[in-house]
Every structure is written in structure tokens, then in C-alpha cells.
């Protein structure tokens, strides 16, 4: 087994928590969203979080010499509802009549937190592969933020959900 540095261990834990919380939140947002385009967008974001977990799994398994990376995260953190997701669900429930707009706002905050986390993780590691992966994921999170921002602007000003085929984003954050 390769020796794993403390910053990579912390990055593993933080990355997994972010992606699991994000997936659970976006699936919940899809469940409560009544508009089909909104449901599709939230499901897309939930699947993106799964792809990120797969990327981390491949990388972390490689650096750990084939060992399962999950050993670095206590099992209870991977099971059941995360306290953060429960808190966000309650926040949406409290926003009576504006739950979908609140879900977009919460999603934007989650993506902003993820961007900051992955940029910091990239900055804090000397491992060039990890640095590249963290920056790649940060860039994907920026796109997700832009998507959520565009949706929020559209829904809050016009009441219409956008669809991927109906607009093009320049990828600028």
C-alpha cells in the first residue's frame, strides 16, 4: 500500500461528503420539483455527483495501491441521510410556495462550497494527479453553479424552466 498523506486523507473525506450530500440534495430537489425540466436538471446534477465519486474512487484506489478508499471514511458517513441534507430539506419546506426557487439557491450554495473546497484541496496538495483531478472537478462544479444561476434567474423572473437544448452557456463562471 502506498502511504497516503494527511491532506489527501482529509481531501478524500471532504470530497466524498460533498458529493454524497450533493447527490442526496439534488435527488430530493428533483422529487419536490413539479416541473419536468426542473426535475431533469436536478437529476442530471445528482448523476454528476455520482460521476465525481467514481473519479475519486478510481484515483484513491490507485494511490492506495488497490485498497478500498472507503476505509478512510467511517461507514456511518456513507449511510442514511446526512444532517446537512436534512437541514437543507427543512429550509426548502419552510420556503412555502417557493421551494423550487429555494432549491436552486441552496444548490448554488452547495456548488460554491464545492468549488472552494476543491480549489483549496488542489492548492494544498503536492500530488500533481490529485491537484489535476481537484481542479477538473472544481471546473465542473463551476459549470453546475452557472447552470443553477441561469435556472434561478429564469424561474424567479419568468416562471419558466430552461432546458439544455434551449440555451448555450459560455462556461464562464
N, C-alpha and C. Protein backbone atom coordinates (compact mmCIF):
# COMPACT_ATOMS: atom_id res chain seq x y z
N UNK A 1 0.84 -1.19 0.00
CA UNK A 1 0.00 0.00 0.00
C UNK A 1 0.88 1.24 0.00
N UNK A 2 0.51 2.22 -0.79
CA UNK A 2 1.20 3.50 -0.79
C UNK A 2 0.81 4.26 0.47
N UNK A 3 1.76 5.02 0.97
CA UNK A 3 1.45 5.85 2.14
C UNK A 3 0.64 7.05 1.66
N UNK A 4 -0.40 7.36 2.38
CA UNK A 4 -1.26 8.47 1.98
C UNK A 4 -1.04 9.63 2.95
N UNK A 5 -0.90 10.80 2.38
CA UNK A 5 -0.63 11.98 3.20
C UNK A 5 -1.89 12.42 3.93
N UNK A 6 -1.70 13.12 5.06
CA UNK A 6 -2.88 13.61 5.80
C UNK A 6 -3.77 14.53 4.98
N UNK A 7 -3.18 15.38 4.13
CA UNK A 7 -4.04 16.28 3.35
C UNK A 7 -4.86 15.52 2.32
N UNK A 8 -4.30 14.45 1.74
CA UNK A 8 -5.07 13.64 0.80
C UNK A 8 -6.16 12.88 1.55
N UNK A 9 -5.86 12.37 2.73
CA UNK A 9 -6.88 11.69 3.55
C UNK A 9 -8.04 12.64 3.84
N UNK A 10 -7.72 13.86 4.26
CA UNK A 10 -8.77 14.84 4.54
C UNK A 10 -9.53 15.21 3.28
N UNK A 11 -8.82 15.30 2.17
CA UNK A 11 -9.47 15.61 0.90
C UNK A 11 -10.42 14.49 0.50
N UNK A 12 -10.00 13.23 0.72
CA UNK A 12 -10.87 12.09 0.41
C UNK A 12 -12.17 12.21 1.21
N UNK A 13 -12.03 12.41 2.50
CA UNK A 13 -13.22 12.51 3.36
C UNK A 13 -14.12 13.67 2.95
N UNK A 14 -13.51 14.83 2.75
CA UNK A 14 -14.30 16.01 2.38
C UNK A 14 -14.96 15.86 1.03
N UNK A 15 -14.22 15.32 0.06
CA UNK A 15 -14.77 15.15 -1.29
C UNK A 15 -15.95 14.19 -1.28
N UNK A 16 -15.80 13.09 -0.57
CA UNK A 16 -16.87 12.10 -0.50
C UNK A 16 -18.11 12.69 0.16
N UNK A 17 -17.92 13.39 1.26
CA UNK A 17 -19.06 14.01 1.95
C UNK A 17 -19.77 15.00 1.04
N UNK A 18 -18.99 15.85 0.35
CA UNK A 18 -19.59 16.84 -0.55
C UNK A 18 -20.42 16.17 -1.63
N UNK A 19 -19.86 15.17 -2.26
CA UNK A 19 -20.55 14.54 -3.37
C UNK A 19 -21.77 13.74 -2.92
N UNK A 20 -21.67 13.05 -1.80
CA UNK A 20 -22.82 12.30 -1.28
C UNK A 20 -23.93 13.26 -0.86
N UNK A 21 -23.57 14.32 -0.14
CA UNK A 21 -24.57 15.31 0.26
C UNK A 21 -25.20 15.95 -0.96
N UNK A 22 -24.37 16.30 -1.95
CA UNK A 22 -24.89 16.93 -3.16
C UNK A 22 -25.86 16.02 -3.89
N UNK A 23 -25.49 14.74 -4.05
CA UNK A 23 -26.36 13.79 -4.73
C UNK A 23 -27.70 13.66 -4.01
N UNK A 24 -27.64 13.50 -2.70
CA UNK A 24 -28.88 13.35 -1.93
C UNK A 24 -29.75 14.60 -2.04
N UNK A 25 -29.12 15.76 -1.95
CA UNK A 25 -29.89 17.00 -2.04
C UNK A 25 -30.53 17.16 -3.42
N UNK A 26 -29.75 16.95 -4.49
CA UNK A 26 -30.29 17.16 -5.83
C UNK A 26 -31.39 16.14 -6.14
N UNK A 27 -31.27 14.92 -5.66
CA UNK A 27 -32.36 13.95 -5.83
C UNK A 27 -33.62 14.40 -5.09
N UNK A 28 -33.44 14.93 -3.88
CA UNK A 28 -34.60 15.44 -3.14
C UNK A 28 -35.22 16.63 -3.88
N UNK A 29 -34.38 17.52 -4.38
CA UNK A 29 -34.89 18.69 -5.11
C UNK A 29 -35.69 18.23 -6.34
N UNK A 30 -35.21 17.19 -7.02
CA UNK A 30 -35.95 16.66 -8.17
C UNK A 30 -37.30 16.10 -7.72
N UNK A 31 -37.30 15.44 -6.58
CA UNK A 31 -38.54 14.85 -6.07
C UNK A 31 -39.60 15.90 -5.77
N UNK A 32 -39.20 17.06 -5.26
CA UNK A 32 -40.19 18.07 -4.88
C UNK A 32 -40.51 19.05 -6.00
N UNK A 33 -39.74 19.00 -7.08
CA UNK A 33 -39.96 19.93 -8.19
C UNK A 33 -41.09 19.41 -9.07
N UNK A 34 -42.05 20.28 -9.35
CA UNK A 34 -43.22 19.85 -10.12
C UNK A 34 -42.98 19.94 -11.63
N UNK A 35 -42.08 20.79 -12.06
CA UNK A 35 -41.85 21.00 -13.49
C UNK A 35 -40.87 19.94 -14.02
N UNK A 36 -41.22 19.33 -15.14
CA UNK A 36 -40.42 18.22 -15.68
C UNK A 36 -39.00 18.66 -16.05
N UNK A 37 -38.83 19.85 -16.61
CA UNK A 37 -37.49 20.32 -16.96
C UNK A 37 -36.64 20.53 -15.70
N UNK A 38 -37.27 21.03 -14.66
CA UNK A 38 -36.56 21.20 -13.39
C UNK A 38 -36.13 19.87 -12.81
N UNK A 39 -37.04 18.88 -12.88
CA UNK A 39 -36.71 17.54 -12.39
C UNK A 39 -35.50 16.98 -13.14
N UNK A 40 -35.51 17.13 -14.47
CA UNK A 40 -34.40 16.61 -15.28
C UNK A 40 -33.08 17.28 -14.91
N UNK A 41 -33.11 18.59 -14.69
CA UNK A 41 -31.88 19.29 -14.35
C UNK A 41 -31.34 18.81 -13.00
N UNK A 42 -32.20 18.69 -12.00
CA UNK A 42 -31.74 18.23 -10.69
C UNK A 42 -31.24 16.78 -10.75
N UNK A 43 -31.90 15.93 -11.53
CA UNK A 43 -31.43 14.54 -11.68
C UNK A 43 -30.07 14.52 -12.38
N UNK A 44 -29.90 15.37 -13.37
CA UNK A 44 -28.61 15.48 -14.06
C UNK A 44 -27.51 15.84 -13.06
N UNK A 45 -27.77 16.82 -12.21
CA UNK A 45 -26.77 17.23 -11.22
C UNK A 45 -26.49 16.10 -10.22
N UNK A 46 -27.51 15.35 -9.83
CA UNK A 46 -27.30 14.21 -8.93
C UNK A 46 -26.39 13.18 -9.59
N UNK A 47 -26.60 12.91 -10.87
CA UNK A 47 -25.76 11.95 -11.58
C UNK A 47 -24.33 12.46 -11.73
N UNK A 48 -24.16 13.75 -11.87
CA UNK A 48 -22.82 14.33 -11.95
C UNK A 48 -22.05 14.06 -10.66
N UNK A 49 -22.74 14.13 -9.53
CA UNK A 49 -22.09 13.85 -8.25
C UNK A 49 -21.63 12.39 -8.19
N UNK A 50 -22.43 11.49 -8.75
CA UNK A 50 -22.05 10.07 -8.81
C UNK A 50 -20.79 9.91 -9.66
N UNK A 51 -20.73 10.61 -10.79
CA UNK A 51 -19.53 10.54 -11.65
C UNK A 51 -18.30 11.04 -10.90
N UNK A 52 -18.46 12.08 -10.11
CA UNK A 52 -17.33 12.59 -9.32
C UNK A 52 -16.87 11.52 -8.33
N UNK A 53 -17.81 10.86 -7.68
CA UNK A 53 -17.45 9.79 -6.74
C UNK A 53 -16.68 8.68 -7.45
N UNK A 54 -17.10 8.34 -8.67
CA UNK A 54 -16.39 7.31 -9.43
C UNK A 54 -14.96 7.75 -9.75
N UNK A 55 -14.80 9.02 -10.11
CA UNK A 55 -13.47 9.55 -10.39
C UNK A 55 -12.60 9.45 -9.15
N UNK A 56 -13.14 9.87 -8.00
CA UNK A 56 -12.38 9.79 -6.75
C UNK A 56 -12.04 8.35 -6.41
N UNK A 57 -13.01 7.46 -6.61
CA UNK A 57 -12.80 6.06 -6.29
C UNK A 57 -11.63 5.49 -7.10
N UNK A 58 -11.62 5.76 -8.39
CA UNK A 58 -10.53 5.27 -9.24
C UNK A 58 -9.18 5.84 -8.81
N UNK A 59 -9.15 7.13 -8.56
CA UNK A 59 -7.89 7.75 -8.18
C UNK A 59 -7.42 7.27 -6.81
N UNK A 60 -8.32 7.29 -5.84
CA UNK A 60 -7.92 6.93 -4.48
C UNK A 60 -7.54 5.46 -4.38
N UNK A 61 -8.22 4.59 -5.13
CA UNK A 61 -7.84 3.18 -5.15
C UNK A 61 -6.44 3.03 -5.72
N UNK A 62 -6.14 3.80 -6.75
CA UNK A 62 -4.81 3.75 -7.36
C UNK A 62 -3.72 4.19 -6.38
N UNK A 63 -3.94 5.31 -5.70
CA UNK A 63 -2.88 5.81 -4.82
C UNK A 63 -2.75 4.97 -3.56
N UNK A 64 -3.81 4.23 -3.23
CA UNK A 64 -3.74 3.37 -2.05
C UNK A 64 -3.28 1.96 -2.42
N UNK A 65 -2.80 1.79 -3.63
CA UNK A 65 -2.27 0.50 -4.04
C UNK A 65 -3.33 -0.58 -4.13
N UNK A 66 -4.53 -0.22 -4.52
CA UNK A 66 -5.59 -1.19 -4.71
C UNK A 66 -6.52 -1.35 -3.51
N UNK A 67 -6.19 -0.77 -2.39
CA UNK A 67 -7.08 -0.87 -1.24
C UNK A 67 -8.32 -0.03 -1.47
N UNK A 68 -9.36 -0.40 -0.80
CA UNK A 68 -10.62 0.32 -0.91
C UNK A 68 -10.51 1.66 -0.18
N UNK A 69 -10.75 2.74 -0.90
CA UNK A 69 -10.64 4.09 -0.32
C UNK A 69 -11.67 4.33 0.77
N UNK A 70 -12.75 3.58 0.78
CA UNK A 70 -13.81 3.80 1.77
C UNK A 70 -13.33 3.55 3.20
N UNK A 71 -12.22 2.84 3.34
CA UNK A 71 -11.71 2.59 4.69
C UNK A 71 -11.30 3.89 5.39
N UNK A 72 -11.09 4.95 4.62
CA UNK A 72 -10.69 6.23 5.20
C UNK A 72 -11.87 7.10 5.59
N UNK A 73 -13.07 6.61 5.34
CA UNK A 73 -14.28 7.33 5.72
C UNK A 73 -15.12 6.40 6.58
N UNK A 74 -15.44 6.79 7.78
CA UNK A 74 -16.28 5.94 8.63
C UNK A 74 -17.58 5.57 7.92
N UNK A 75 -17.97 4.32 8.02
CA UNK A 75 -19.14 3.81 7.32
C UNK A 75 -20.42 4.58 7.57
N UNK A 76 -20.60 5.09 8.79
CA UNK A 76 -21.84 5.80 9.09
C UNK A 76 -21.98 7.07 8.26
N UNK A 77 -20.85 7.60 7.77
CA UNK A 77 -20.91 8.81 6.96
C UNK A 77 -21.43 8.52 5.56
N UNK A 78 -21.40 7.25 5.15
CA UNK A 78 -21.86 6.89 3.82
C UNK A 78 -23.29 6.38 3.83
N UNK A 79 -23.87 6.15 4.99
CA UNK A 79 -25.20 5.57 5.11
C UNK A 79 -26.22 6.61 5.56
N UNK A 80 -27.46 6.38 5.17
CA UNK A 80 -28.56 7.21 5.66
C UNK A 80 -28.49 8.66 5.20
N UNK A 81 -29.39 9.44 5.76
CA UNK A 81 -29.44 10.87 5.42
C UNK A 81 -28.37 11.63 6.18
N UNK A 82 -27.71 12.51 5.49
CA UNK A 82 -26.71 13.35 6.12
C UNK A 82 -27.41 14.50 6.84
N UNK A 83 -26.90 14.91 8.01
CA UNK A 83 -27.52 16.03 8.73
C UNK A 83 -27.63 17.29 7.86
N UNK A 84 -26.64 17.55 7.02
CA UNK A 84 -26.69 18.72 6.16
C UNK A 84 -27.89 18.63 5.22
N UNK A 85 -28.11 17.47 4.62
CA UNK A 85 -29.22 17.31 3.69
C UNK A 85 -30.55 17.50 4.41
N UNK A 86 -30.67 16.95 5.61
CA UNK A 86 -31.90 17.14 6.39
C UNK A 86 -32.15 18.62 6.66
N UNK A 87 -31.10 19.34 6.99
CA UNK A 87 -31.21 20.77 7.26
C UNK A 87 -31.67 21.52 6.00
N UNK A 88 -31.12 21.14 4.86
CA UNK A 88 -31.48 21.80 3.60
C UNK A 88 -32.92 21.47 3.20
N UNK A 89 -33.34 20.23 3.45
CA UNK A 89 -34.72 19.85 3.17
C UNK A 89 -35.68 20.70 4.01
N UNK A 90 -35.34 20.90 5.27
CA UNK A 90 -36.19 21.70 6.16
C UNK A 90 -36.23 23.15 5.67
N UNK A 91 -35.11 23.65 5.21
CA UNK A 91 -35.06 25.02 4.67
C UNK A 91 -36.00 25.15 3.47
N UNK A 92 -36.01 24.14 2.60
CA UNK A 92 -36.91 24.17 1.45
C UNK A 92 -38.37 24.09 1.89
N UNK A 93 -38.63 23.25 2.86
CA UNK A 93 -40.00 23.09 3.36
C UNK A 93 -40.52 24.39 3.97
N UNK A 94 -39.63 25.12 4.64
CA UNK A 94 -40.01 26.39 5.26
C UNK A 94 -40.26 27.50 4.25
N UNK A 95 -39.77 27.32 3.03
CA UNK A 95 -39.95 28.33 1.98
C UNK A 95 -41.24 28.02 1.22
N UNK A 96 -42.35 28.05 1.92
CA UNK A 96 -43.64 27.68 1.34
C UNK A 96 -43.90 28.42 0.04
N UNK A 97 -44.28 27.65 -0.98
CA UNK A 97 -44.62 28.24 -2.27
C UNK A 97 -43.41 28.59 -3.13
N UNK A 98 -42.24 28.58 -2.55
CA UNK A 98 -41.04 28.92 -3.33
C UNK A 98 -39.97 27.84 -3.17
N UNK A 99 -40.40 26.61 -2.90
CA UNK A 99 -39.46 25.51 -2.66
C UNK A 99 -38.51 25.27 -3.81
N UNK A 100 -39.02 25.37 -5.05
CA UNK A 100 -38.16 25.14 -6.20
C UNK A 100 -37.10 26.22 -6.33
N UNK A 101 -37.50 27.47 -6.12
CA UNK A 101 -36.53 28.56 -6.17
C UNK A 101 -35.53 28.43 -5.04
N UNK A 102 -36.00 28.03 -3.88
CA UNK A 102 -35.11 27.83 -2.74
C UNK A 102 -34.15 26.68 -3.03
N UNK A 103 -34.63 25.62 -3.69
CA UNK A 103 -33.76 24.50 -4.06
C UNK A 103 -32.64 24.98 -4.98
N UNK A 104 -32.96 25.85 -5.90
CA UNK A 104 -31.93 26.41 -6.79
C UNK A 104 -30.91 27.23 -5.99
N UNK A 105 -31.39 28.05 -5.07
CA UNK A 105 -30.49 28.85 -4.23
C UNK A 105 -29.58 27.96 -3.38
N UNK A 106 -30.15 26.93 -2.79
CA UNK A 106 -29.37 26.00 -1.98
C UNK A 106 -28.35 25.28 -2.85
N UNK A 107 -28.80 24.83 -4.02
CA UNK A 107 -27.88 24.16 -4.95
C UNK A 107 -26.71 25.05 -5.32
N UNK A 108 -26.98 26.33 -5.55
CA UNK A 108 -25.90 27.27 -5.87
C UNK A 108 -24.92 27.37 -4.71
N UNK A 109 -25.42 27.40 -3.47
CA UNK A 109 -24.55 27.47 -2.31
C UNK A 109 -23.72 26.19 -2.19
N UNK A 110 -24.34 25.04 -2.42
CA UNK A 110 -23.61 23.77 -2.38
C UNK A 110 -22.48 23.76 -3.41
N UNK A 111 -22.79 24.23 -4.61
CA UNK A 111 -21.77 24.26 -5.67
C UNK A 111 -20.65 25.24 -5.32
N UNK A 112 -20.99 26.38 -4.76
CA UNK A 112 -19.97 27.35 -4.35
C UNK A 112 -19.07 26.74 -3.27
N UNK A 113 -19.66 26.06 -2.31
CA UNK A 113 -18.86 25.40 -1.27
C UNK A 113 -17.95 24.35 -1.88
N UNK A 114 -18.47 23.60 -2.86
CA UNK A 114 -17.67 22.56 -3.52
C UNK A 114 -16.51 23.19 -4.30
N UNK A 115 -16.78 24.26 -5.00
CA UNK A 115 -15.72 24.95 -5.76
C UNK A 115 -14.59 25.36 -4.82
N UNK A 116 -14.96 26.00 -3.74
CA UNK A 116 -13.95 26.44 -2.77
C UNK A 116 -13.17 25.25 -2.19
N UNK A 117 -13.90 24.19 -1.84
CA UNK A 117 -13.26 23.00 -1.27
C UNK A 117 -12.24 22.41 -2.24
N UNK A 118 -12.66 22.18 -3.48
CA UNK A 118 -11.76 21.53 -4.44
C UNK A 118 -10.59 22.42 -4.84
N UNK A 119 -10.81 23.72 -4.95
CA UNK A 119 -9.70 24.62 -5.23
C UNK A 119 -8.70 24.63 -4.08
N UNK A 120 -9.20 24.61 -2.86
CA UNK A 120 -8.30 24.56 -1.70
C UNK A 120 -7.56 23.23 -1.65
N UNK A 121 -8.29 22.13 -1.90
CA UNK A 121 -7.65 20.81 -1.90
C UNK A 121 -6.55 20.75 -2.96
N UNK A 122 -6.79 21.33 -4.12
CA UNK A 122 -5.77 21.35 -5.18
C UNK A 122 -4.57 22.18 -4.74
N UNK A 123 -4.84 23.30 -4.11
CA UNK A 123 -3.77 24.18 -3.65
C UNK A 123 -2.93 23.53 -2.56
N UNK A 124 -3.59 22.75 -1.69
CA UNK A 124 -2.92 22.20 -0.51
C UNK A 124 -2.12 20.92 -0.77
N UNK A 125 -2.29 20.31 -1.95
CA UNK A 125 -1.58 19.05 -2.19
C UNK A 125 -0.40 19.25 -3.13
N UNK A 126 0.62 18.43 -2.92
CA UNK A 126 1.78 18.41 -3.82
C UNK A 126 1.64 17.32 -4.86
N UNK A 127 0.66 16.44 -4.69
CA UNK A 127 0.42 15.34 -5.62
C UNK A 127 -0.20 15.94 -6.89
N UNK A 128 0.53 15.86 -8.00
CA UNK A 128 0.09 16.50 -9.24
C UNK A 128 -1.17 15.86 -9.82
N UNK A 129 -1.32 14.55 -9.66
CA UNK A 129 -2.53 13.89 -10.16
C UNK A 129 -3.74 14.36 -9.36
N UNK A 130 -3.60 14.38 -8.04
CA UNK A 130 -4.69 14.85 -7.20
C UNK A 130 -5.02 16.30 -7.51
N UNK A 131 -4.00 17.12 -7.67
CA UNK A 131 -4.20 18.54 -7.99
C UNK A 131 -5.01 18.68 -9.28
N UNK A 132 -4.64 17.90 -10.30
CA UNK A 132 -5.34 17.97 -11.59
C UNK A 132 -6.80 17.53 -11.44
N UNK A 133 -7.02 16.44 -10.72
CA UNK A 133 -8.39 15.95 -10.52
C UNK A 133 -9.22 16.97 -9.75
N UNK A 134 -8.68 17.52 -8.69
CA UNK A 134 -9.42 18.51 -7.90
C UNK A 134 -9.77 19.75 -8.73
N UNK A 135 -8.84 20.20 -9.56
CA UNK A 135 -9.13 21.37 -10.39
C UNK A 135 -10.17 21.04 -11.47
N UNK A 136 -10.10 19.83 -12.01
CA UNK A 136 -11.08 19.40 -13.01
C UNK A 136 -12.47 19.37 -12.38
N UNK A 137 -12.58 18.80 -11.19
CA UNK A 137 -13.88 18.74 -10.51
C UNK A 137 -14.35 20.16 -10.16
N UNK A 138 -13.43 21.03 -9.73
CA UNK A 138 -13.81 22.42 -9.42
C UNK A 138 -14.38 23.09 -10.66
N UNK A 139 -13.78 22.85 -11.83
CA UNK A 139 -14.30 23.43 -13.07
C UNK A 139 -15.69 22.91 -13.40
N UNK A 140 -15.92 21.62 -13.17
CA UNK A 140 -17.25 21.06 -13.40
C UNK A 140 -18.26 21.66 -12.43
N UNK A 141 -17.84 21.88 -11.19
CA UNK A 141 -18.74 22.49 -10.21
C UNK A 141 -19.07 23.94 -10.62
N UNK A 142 -18.13 24.62 -11.23
CA UNK A 142 -18.39 25.98 -11.72
C UNK A 142 -19.47 25.97 -12.79
N UNK A 143 -19.39 24.99 -13.68
CA UNK A 143 -20.43 24.85 -14.70
C UNK A 143 -21.78 24.60 -14.05
N UNK A 144 -21.81 23.73 -13.04
CA UNK A 144 -23.06 23.44 -12.33
C UNK A 144 -23.61 24.71 -11.68
N UNK A 145 -22.73 25.49 -11.08
CA UNK A 145 -23.16 26.76 -10.46
C UNK A 145 -23.79 27.66 -11.52
N UNK A 146 -23.14 27.80 -12.67
CA UNK A 146 -23.66 28.64 -13.74
C UNK A 146 -25.03 28.14 -14.22
N UNK A 147 -25.18 26.83 -14.33
CA UNK A 147 -26.45 26.24 -14.74
C UNK A 147 -27.55 26.58 -13.74
N UNK A 148 -27.25 26.41 -12.46
CA UNK A 148 -28.22 26.73 -11.41
C UNK A 148 -28.55 28.22 -11.39
N UNK A 149 -27.54 29.06 -11.58
CA UNK A 149 -27.77 30.51 -11.59
C UNK A 149 -28.69 30.90 -12.75
N UNK A 150 -28.44 30.34 -13.93
CA UNK A 150 -29.28 30.63 -15.09
C UNK A 150 -30.71 30.17 -14.83
N UNK A 151 -30.86 28.98 -14.25
CA UNK A 151 -32.19 28.47 -13.94
C UNK A 151 -32.88 29.37 -12.91
N UNK A 152 -32.15 29.74 -11.88
CA UNK A 152 -32.72 30.59 -10.83
C UNK A 152 -33.20 31.91 -11.43
N UNK A 153 -32.38 32.52 -12.26
CA UNK A 153 -32.76 33.79 -12.88
C UNK A 153 -34.01 33.61 -13.74
N UNK A 154 -34.06 32.51 -14.49
CA UNK A 154 -35.21 32.28 -15.36
C UNK A 154 -36.48 32.03 -14.55
N UNK A 155 -36.40 31.15 -13.58
CA UNK A 155 -37.58 30.81 -12.79
C UNK A 155 -38.07 31.99 -11.96
N UNK A 156 -37.15 32.71 -11.35
CA UNK A 156 -37.57 33.80 -10.46
C UNK A 156 -38.07 35.02 -11.22
N UNK A 157 -37.67 35.17 -12.47
CA UNK A 157 -38.10 36.34 -13.23
C UNK A 157 -39.22 36.05 -14.21
N UNK A 158 -39.27 34.79 -14.70
CA UNK A 158 -40.27 34.49 -15.71
C UNK A 158 -41.18 33.32 -15.37
N UNK A 159 -40.74 32.48 -14.46
CA UNK A 159 -41.53 31.30 -14.12
C UNK A 159 -41.28 30.12 -15.04
N UNK A 160 -40.41 30.26 -16.04
CA UNK A 160 -40.13 29.18 -16.99
C UNK A 160 -38.79 28.53 -16.68
N UNK A 161 -38.77 27.21 -16.79
CA UNK A 161 -37.52 26.45 -16.64
C UNK A 161 -36.83 26.41 -17.99
N UNK A 162 -35.52 26.53 -17.96
CA UNK A 162 -34.73 26.38 -19.17
C UNK A 162 -34.53 24.89 -19.44
N UNK A 163 -34.08 24.57 -20.65
CA UNK A 163 -33.74 23.20 -20.97
C UNK A 163 -32.39 23.24 -21.67
N UNK A 164 -31.59 22.21 -21.51
CA UNK A 164 -30.23 22.20 -22.07
C UNK A 164 -30.23 22.52 -23.55
N UNK A 165 -31.24 22.07 -24.28
CA UNK A 165 -31.28 22.32 -25.71
C UNK A 165 -31.70 23.74 -26.05
N UNK A 166 -32.21 24.47 -25.08
CA UNK A 166 -32.74 25.79 -25.35
C UNK A 166 -31.75 26.92 -25.13
N UNK A 167 -30.59 26.62 -24.59
CA UNK A 167 -29.64 27.69 -24.35
C UNK A 167 -28.23 27.14 -24.38
N UNK A 168 -27.28 28.04 -24.53
CA UNK A 168 -25.87 27.67 -24.52
C UNK A 168 -25.17 28.55 -23.51
N UNK A 169 -24.33 27.92 -22.71
CA UNK A 169 -23.58 28.67 -21.71
C UNK A 169 -22.14 28.74 -22.17
N UNK A 170 -21.50 29.85 -21.90
CA UNK A 170 -20.12 30.01 -22.36
C UNK A 170 -19.09 29.40 -21.42
N UNK A 171 -19.54 28.80 -20.32
CA UNK A 171 -18.61 28.15 -19.40
C UNK A 171 -17.86 29.12 -18.51
N UNK A 172 -18.23 30.37 -18.57
CA UNK A 172 -17.57 31.38 -17.73
C UNK A 172 -18.26 31.42 -16.40
N UNK A 173 -17.48 31.44 -15.37
CA UNK A 173 -18.02 31.45 -14.02
C UNK A 173 -17.98 32.84 -13.49
